[in-house]
C-alpha cells in the first residue's frame, strides 16, 4: 500500500512539474518575439532621424505661447 502511494505521489509530482515547465516555456517564447516598439525606440539612428524631422517640422513656429512668456 505504501509503495502505491509513493508511486502515485511521484506521478503527480512529475505531472505538476511538466505542467509548470510548459507554462515557463510559453512565457519564454513570448519574451523572445520581436517587440517593434522596443526596437524602434531603442535604435539611436531612428531616434536621431525622428528628432531631426520634428525639429524641421517645428521650424518657424513659436517656442512658447504668449501666456507662458513674462513674469509669474
PDB file of N, CA and C in Angstrom:
ATOM      1  N   UNK A   1       0.821  -1.197   0.000  1.00  0.00           N
ATOM      2  CA  UNK A   1       0.000   0.000   0.000  1.00  0.00           C
ATOM      3  C   UNK A   1       0.863   1.258   0.000  1.00  0.00           C
ATOM      4  N   UNK A   2       1.947   1.222   0.804  1.00  0.00           N
ATOM      5  CA  UNK A   2       2.814   2.386   0.848  1.00  0.00           C
ATOM      6  C   UNK A   2       3.519   2.625  -0.484  1.00  0.00           C
ATOM      7  N   UNK A   3       3.856   1.537  -1.164  1.00  0.00           N
ATOM      8  CA  UNK A   3       4.531   1.697  -2.447  1.00  0.00           C
ATOM      9  C   UNK A   3       3.584   2.295  -3.487  1.00  0.00           C
ATOM     10  N   UNK A   4       2.297   1.951  -3.414  1.00  0.00           N
ATOM     11  CA  UNK A   4       1.309   2.511  -4.347  1.00  0.00           C
ATOM     12  C   UNK A   4       1.169   4.019  -4.106  1.00  0.00           C
ATOM     13  N   UNK A   5       1.106   4.414  -2.849  1.00  0.00           N
ATOM     14  CA  UNK A   5       1.032   5.847  -2.529  1.00  0.00           C
ATOM     15  C   UNK A   5       2.282   6.575  -3.017  1.00  0.00           C
ATOM     16  N   UNK A   6       3.422   5.942  -2.830  1.00  0.00           N
ATOM     17  CA  UNK A   6       4.672   6.556  -3.275  1.00  0.00           C
ATOM     18  C   UNK A   6       4.674   6.753  -4.795  1.00  0.00           C
ATOM     19  N   UNK A   7       4.247   5.736  -5.531  1.00  0.00           N
ATOM     20  CA  UNK A   7       4.212   5.810  -7.000  1.00  0.00           C
ATOM     21  C   UNK A   7       3.233   6.893  -7.441  1.00  0.00           C
ATOM     22  N   UNK A   8       2.061   6.954  -6.822  1.00  0.00           N
ATOM     23  CA  UNK A   8       1.084   7.990  -7.191  1.00  0.00           C
ATOM     24  C   UNK A   8       1.606   9.385  -6.843  1.00  0.00           C
ATOM     25  N   UNK A   9       2.238   9.522  -5.697  1.00  0.00           N
ATOM     26  CA  UNK A   9       2.817  10.809  -5.325  1.00  0.00           C
ATOM     27  C   UNK A   9       3.895  11.235  -6.294  1.00  0.00           C
ATOM     28  N   UNK A  10       4.744  10.298  -6.695  1.00  0.00           N
ATOM     29  CA  UNK A  10       5.791  10.597  -7.670  1.00  0.00           C
ATOM     30  C   UNK A  10       5.188  10.980  -9.014  1.00  0.00           C
ATOM     31  N   UNK A  11       4.172  10.240  -9.422  1.00  0.00           N
ATOM     32  CA  UNK A  11       3.493  10.535 -10.691  1.00  0.00           C
ATOM     33  C   UNK A  11       2.875  11.935 -10.674  1.00  0.00           C
ATOM     34  N   UNK A  12       2.201  12.283  -9.606  1.00  0.00           N
ATOM     35  CA  UNK A  12       1.574  13.605  -9.507  1.00  0.00           C
ATOM     36  C   UNK A  12       2.620  14.717  -9.478  1.00  0.00           C
ATOM     37  N   UNK A  13       3.726  14.474  -8.768  1.00  0.00           N
ATOM     38  CA  UNK A  13       4.789  15.475  -8.714  1.00  0.00           C
ATOM     39  C   UNK A  13       5.384  15.706 -10.097  1.00  0.00           C
ATOM     40  N   UNK A  14       5.599  14.627 -10.839  1.00  0.00           N
ATOM     41  CA  UNK A  14       6.140  14.776 -12.202  1.00  0.00           C
ATOM     42  C   UNK A  14       5.134  15.470 -13.122  1.00  0.00           C
ATOM     43  N   UNK A  15       3.859  15.134 -12.981  1.00  0.00           N
ATOM     44  CA  UNK A  15       2.834  15.765 -13.818  1.00  0.00           C
ATOM     45  C   UNK A  15       2.768  17.262 -13.551  1.00  0.00           C
ATOM     46  N   UNK A  16       2.797  17.656 -12.295  1.00  0.00           N
ATOM     47  CA  UNK A  16       2.777  19.080 -11.951  1.00  0.00           C
ATOM     48  C   UNK A  16       4.029  19.762 -12.480  1.00  0.00           C
ATOM     49  N   UNK A  17       5.168  19.110 -12.377  1.00  0.00           N
ATOM     50  CA  UNK A  17       6.423  19.670 -12.895  1.00  0.00           C
ATOM     51  C   UNK A  17       6.364  19.906 -14.389  1.00  0.00           C
ATOM     52  N   UNK A  18       5.825  18.939 -15.137  1.00  0.00           N
ATOM     53  CA  UNK A  18       5.710  19.112 -16.581  1.00  0.00           C
ATOM     54  C   UNK A  18       4.759  20.249 -16.947  1.00  0.00           C
ATOM     55  N   UNK A  19       3.676  20.381 -16.225  1.00  0.00           N
ATOM     56  CA  UNK A  19       2.722  21.464 -16.482  1.00  0.00           C
ATOM     57  C   UNK A  19       3.393  22.821 -16.231  1.00  0.00           C
ATOM     58  N   UNK A  20       4.130  22.918 -15.133  1.00  0.00           N
ATOM     59  CA  UNK A  20       4.816  24.180 -14.825  1.00  0.00           C
ATOM     60  C   UNK A  20       5.888  24.501 -15.858  1.00  0.00           C
ATOM     61  N   UNK A  21       6.609  23.489 -16.331  1.00  0.00           N
ATOM     62  CA  UNK A  21       7.645  23.721 -17.345  1.00  0.00           C
ATOM     63  C   UNK A  21       7.016  24.180 -18.657  1.00  0.00           C
ATOM     64  N   UNK A  22       5.860  23.657 -18.996  1.00  0.00           N
ATOM     65  CA  UNK A  22       5.187  24.073 -20.228  1.00  0.00           C
ATOM     66  C   UNK A  22       4.783  25.539 -20.134  1.00  0.00           C
ATOM     67  N   UNK A  23       4.328  25.987 -18.968  1.00  0.00           N
ATOM     68  CA  UNK A  23       3.957  27.389 -18.783  1.00  0.00           C
ATOM     69  C   UNK A  23       5.158  28.304 -18.877  1.00  0.00           C
ATOM     70  N   UNK A  24       6.276  27.894 -18.327  1.00  0.00           N
ATOM     71  CA  UNK A  24       7.502  28.692 -18.388  1.00  0.00           C
ATOM     72  C   UNK A  24       7.995  28.765 -19.828  1.00  0.00           C
ATOM     73  N   UNK A  25       7.898  27.665 -20.561  1.00  0.00           N
ATOM     74  CA  UNK A  25       8.342  27.648 -21.958  1.00  0.00           C
ATOM     75  C   UNK A  25       7.521  28.626 -22.798  1.00  0.00           C
ATOM     76  N   UNK A  26       6.204  28.689 -22.566  1.00  0.00           N
ATOM     77  CA  UNK A  26       5.350  29.626 -23.310  1.00  0.00           C
ATOM     78  C   UNK A  26       5.713  31.064 -23.016  1.00  0.00           C
ATOM     79  N   UNK A  27       6.011  31.371 -21.767  1.00  0.00           N
ATOM     80  CA  UNK A  27       6.408  32.732 -21.410  1.00  0.00           C
ATOM     81  C   UNK A  27       7.750  33.090 -22.022  1.00  0.00           C
ATOM     82  N   UNK A  28       8.660  32.154 -22.074  1.00  0.00           N
ATOM     83  CA  UNK A  28       9.976  32.412 -22.668  1.00  0.00           C
ATOM     84  C   UNK A  28       9.850  32.669 -24.160  1.00  0.00           C
ATOM     85  N   UNK A  29       8.986  31.930 -24.841  1.00  0.00           N
ATOM     86  CA  UNK A  29       8.796  32.144 -26.273  1.00  0.00           C
ATOM     87  C   UNK A  29       8.170  33.510 -26.538  1.00  0.00           C
ATOM     88  N   UNK A  30       7.244  33.938 -25.706  1.00  0.00           N
ATOM     89  CA  UNK A  30       6.619  35.249 -25.881  1.00  0.00           C
ATOM     90  C   UNK A  30       7.636  36.351 -25.669  1.00  0.00           C
ATOM     91  N   UNK A  31       8.567  36.163 -24.737  1.00  0.00           N
ATOM     92  CA  UNK A  31       9.580  37.182 -24.472  1.00  0.00           C
ATOM     93  C   UNK A  31      10.586  37.267 -25.604  1.00  0.00           C
ATOM     94  N   UNK A  32      10.806  36.186 -26.333  1.00  0.00           N
ATOM     95  CA  UNK A  32      11.776  36.179 -27.413  1.00  0.00           C
ATOM     96  C   UNK A  32      11.248  36.837 -28.686  1.00  0.00           C
ATOM     97  N   UNK A  33       9.925  36.962 -28.808  1.00  0.00           N
ATOM     98  CA  UNK A  33       9.365  37.573 -30.003  1.00  0.00           C
ATOM     99  C   UNK A  33       9.779  39.032 -30.074  1.00  0.00           C
ATOM    100  N   UNK A  34       9.934  39.526 -31.305  1.00  0.00           N
ATOM    101  CA  UNK A  34      10.404  40.891 -31.503  1.00  0.00           C
ATOM    102  C   UNK A  34       9.318  41.887 -31.116  1.00  0.00           C
ATOM    103  N   UNK A  35       9.681  42.863 -30.331  1.00  0.00           N
ATOM    104  CA  UNK A  35       8.783  43.931 -29.934  1.00  0.00           C
ATOM    105  C   UNK A  35       9.142  45.151 -30.778  1.00  0.00           C
ATOM    106  N   UNK A  36       8.276  45.517 -31.700  1.00  0.00           N
ATOM    107  CA  UNK A  36       8.606  46.588 -32.637  1.00  0.00           C
ATOM    108  C   UNK A  36       8.728  47.944 -31.946  1.00  0.00           C
ATOM    109  N   UNK A  37       7.952  48.195 -30.926  1.00  0.00           N
ATOM    110  CA  UNK A  37       8.080  49.464 -30.201  1.00  0.00           C
ATOM    111  C   UNK A  37       9.462  49.556 -29.563  1.00  0.00           C
ATOM    112  N   UNK A  38       9.870  48.490 -28.912  1.00  0.00           N
ATOM    113  CA  UNK A  38      11.179  48.478 -28.256  1.00  0.00           C
ATOM    114  C   UNK A  38      12.288  48.630 -29.291  1.00  0.00           C
ATOM    115  N   UNK A  39      12.147  47.962 -30.438  1.00  0.00           N
ATOM    116  CA  UNK A  39      13.170  48.030 -31.478  1.00  0.00           C
ATOM    117  C   UNK A  39      13.331  49.449 -31.993  1.00  0.00           C
ATOM    118  N   UNK A  40      12.238  50.132 -32.268  1.00  0.00           N
ATOM    119  CA  UNK A  40      12.323  51.494 -32.809  1.00  0.00           C
ATOM    120  C   UNK A  40      12.796  52.503 -31.771  1.00  0.00           C
ATOM    121  N   UNK A  41      12.291  52.388 -30.551  1.00  0.00           N
ATOM    122  CA  UNK A  41      12.583  53.390 -29.535  1.00  0.00           C
ATOM    123  C   UNK A  41      13.948  53.220 -28.893  1.00  0.00           C
ATOM    124  N   UNK A  42      14.648  52.147 -29.185  1.00  0.00           N
ATOM    125  CA  UNK A  42      15.997  51.978 -28.662  1.00  0.00           C
ATOM    126  C   UNK A  42      17.037  52.019 -29.766  1.00  0.00           C
ATOM    127  N   UNK A  43      16.631  52.350 -30.974  1.00  0.00           N
ATOM    128  CA  UNK A  43      17.549  52.463 -32.096  1.00  0.00           C
ATOM    129  C   UNK A  43      17.993  53.923 -32.186  1.00  0.00           C
ATOM    130  N   UNK A  44      19.256  54.185 -31.903  1.00  0.00           N
ATOM    131  CA  UNK A  44      19.763  55.564 -31.860  1.00  0.00           C
ATOM    132  C   UNK A  44      19.618  56.265 -33.206  1.00  0.00           C
ATOM    133  N   UNK A  45      19.888  55.563 -34.280  1.00  0.00           N
ATOM    134  CA  UNK A  45      19.796  56.169 -35.613  1.00  0.00           C
ATOM    135  C   UNK A  45      18.365  56.646 -35.897  1.00  0.00           C
ATOM    136  N   UNK A  46      17.373  55.808 -35.573  1.00  0.00           N
ATOM    137  CA  UNK A  46      15.981  56.195 -35.807  1.00  0.00           C
ATOM    138  C   UNK A  46      15.560  57.337 -34.892  1.00  0.00           C
ATOM    139  N   UNK A  47      16.020  57.321 -33.634  1.00  0.00           N
ATOM    140  CA  UNK A  47      15.668  58.401 -32.722  1.00  0.00           C
ATOM    141  C   UNK A  47      16.235  59.739 -33.199  1.00  0.00           C
ATOM    142  N   UNK A  48      17.468  59.734 -33.678  1.00  0.00           N
ATOM    143  CA  UNK A  48      18.076  60.968 -34.197  1.00  0.00           C
ATOM    144  C   UNK A  48      17.316  61.442 -35.422  1.00  0.00           C
ATOM    145  N   UNK A  49      16.978  60.514 -36.315  1.00  0.00           N
ATOM    146  CA  UNK A  49      16.239  60.876 -37.529  1.00  0.00           C
ATOM    147  C   UNK A  49      14.871  61.466 -37.183  1.00  0.00           C
ATOM    148  N   UNK A  50      14.152  60.860 -36.264  1.00  0.00           N
ATOM    149  CA  UNK A  50      12.832  61.356 -35.869  1.00  0.00           C
ATOM    150  C   UNK A  50      12.948  62.726 -35.204  1.00  0.00           C
ATOM    151  N   UNK A  51      13.958  62.907 -34.352  1.00  0.00           N
ATOM    152  CA  UNK A  51      14.165  64.191 -33.682  1.00  0.00           C
ATOM    153  C   UNK A  51      14.439  65.289 -34.700  1.00  0.00           C
ATOM    154  N   UNK A  52      15.240  64.985 -35.711  1.00  0.00           N
ATOM    155  CA  UNK A  52      15.523  65.967 -36.764  1.00  0.00           C
ATOM    156  C   UNK A  52      14.265  66.298 -37.565  1.00  0.00           C
ATOM    157  N   UNK A  53      13.443  65.296 -37.853  1.00  0.00           N
ATOM    158  CA  UNK A  53      12.207  65.541 -38.596  1.00  0.00           C
ATOM    159  C   UNK A  53      11.255  66.423 -37.791  1.00  0.00           C
ATOM    160  N   UNK A  54      11.166  66.187 -36.493  1.00  0.00           N
ATOM    161  CA  UNK A  54      10.298  67.008 -35.643  1.00  0.00           C
ATOM    162  C   UNK A  54      10.818  68.433 -35.582  1.00  0.00           C
ATOM    163  N   UNK A  55      12.135  68.602 -35.439  1.00  0.00           N
ATOM    164  CA  UNK A  55      12.730  69.942 -35.396  1.00  0.00           C
ATOM    165  C   UNK A  55      12.493  70.672 -36.708  1.00  0.00           C
ATOM    166  N   UNK A  56      12.589  69.958 -37.822  1.00  0.00           N
ATOM    167  CA  UNK A  56      12.353  70.575 -39.138  1.00  0.00           C
ATOM    168  C   UNK A  56      10.878  70.984 -39.285  1.00  0.00           C
ATOM    169  N   UNK A  57       9.976  70.151 -38.788  1.00  0.00           N
ATOM    170  CA  UNK A  57       8.550  70.461 -38.875  1.00  0.00           C
ATOM    171  C   UNK A  57       8.184  71.644 -37.982  1.00  0.00           C
ATOM    172  N   UNK A  58       8.861  71.797 -36.849  1.00  0.00           N
ATOM    173  CA  UNK A  58       8.576  72.883 -35.914  1.00  0.00           C
ATOM    174  C   UNK A  58       9.340  74.157 -36.245  1.00  0.00           C
ATOM    175  N   UNK A  59      10.137  74.151 -37.279  1.00  0.00           N
ATOM    176  CA  UNK A  59      10.926  75.321 -37.663  1.00  0.00           C
ATOM    177  C   UNK A  59       9.982  76.461 -38.050  1.00  0.00           C
ATOM    178  N   UNK A  60      10.208  77.618 -37.476  1.00  0.00           N
ATOM    179  CA  UNK A  60       9.379  78.771 -37.767  1.00  0.00           C
ATOM    180  C   UNK A  60       8.222  78.941 -36.795  1.00  0.00           C
ATOM    181  N   UNK A  61       7.929  77.961 -35.997  1.00  0.00           N
ATOM    182  CA  UNK A  61       6.865  78.069 -35.003  1.00  0.00           C
ATOM    183  C   UNK A  61       7.422  78.698 -33.742  1.00  0.00           C
ATOM    184  N   UNK A  62       6.568  79.391 -33.005  1.00  0.00           N
ATOM    185  CA  UNK A  62       6.983  79.964 -31.732  1.00  0.00           C
ATOM    186  C   UNK A  62       7.278  78.850 -30.739  1.00  0.00           C
ATOM    187  N   UNK A  63       8.318  79.036 -29.950  1.00  0.00           N
ATOM    188  CA  UNK A  63       8.706  78.032 -28.967  1.00  0.00           C
ATOM    189  C   UNK A  63       7.741  78.008 -27.784  1.00  0.00           C
ATOM    190  N   UNK A  64       7.196  79.173 -27.407  1.00  0.00           N
ATOM    191  CA  UNK A  64       6.294  79.245 -26.265  1.00  0.00           C
ATOM    192  C   UNK A  64       5.113  80.141 -26.614  1.00  0.00           C
ATOM    193  N   UNK A  65       4.000  79.935 -25.936  1.00  0.00           N
ATOM    194  CA  UNK A  65       2.821  80.744 -26.189  1.00  0.00           C
ATOM    195  C   UNK A  65       2.946  82.087 -25.473  1.00  0.00           C
ATOM    196  N   UNK A  66       2.088  83.017 -25.829  1.00  0.00           N
ATOM    197  CA  UNK A  66       2.136  84.339 -25.222  1.00  0.00           C
ATOM    198  C   UNK A  66       1.802  84.279 -23.728  1.00  0.00           C
ATOM    199  N   UNK A  67       0.968  83.330 -23.340  1.00  0.00           N
ATOM    200  CA  UNK A  67       0.605  83.224 -21.925  1.00  0.00           C
ATOM    201  C   UNK A  67       1.765  82.786 -21.054  1.00  0.00           C
ATOM    202  N   UNK A  68       2.686  82.009 -21.602  1.00  0.00           N
ATOM    203  CA  UNK A  68       3.771  81.488 -20.789  1.00  0.00           C
ATOM    204  C   UNK A  68       4.989  82.421 -20.773  1.00  0.00           C
ATOM    205  N   UNK A  69       4.969  83.476 -21.567  1.00  0.00           N
ATOM    206  CA  UNK A  69       6.071  84.440 -21.559  1.00  0.00           C
ATOM    207  C   UNK A  69       5.895  85.446 -20.441  1.00  0.00           C
ATOM    208  N   UNK A  70       6.995  85.998 -19.986  1.00  0.00           N
ATOM    209  CA  UNK A  70       6.933  87.065 -18.991  1.00  0.00           C
ATOM    210  C   UNK A  70       7.014  86.525 -17.567  1.00  0.00           C
ATOM    211  N   UNK A  71       6.783  87.441 -16.643  1.00  0.00           N
ATOM    212  CA  UNK A  71       6.892  87.074 -15.227  1.00  0.00           C
ATOM    213  C   UNK A  71       5.620  86.399 -14.726  1.00  0.00           C
ATOM    214  N   UNK A  72       5.823  85.554 -13.711  1.00  0.00           N
ATOM    215  CA  UNK A  72       4.821  84.939 -12.902  1.00  0.00           C
ATOM    216  C   UNK A  72       3.650  84.355 -13.475  1.00  0.00           C
TER     217      UNK A  72
END
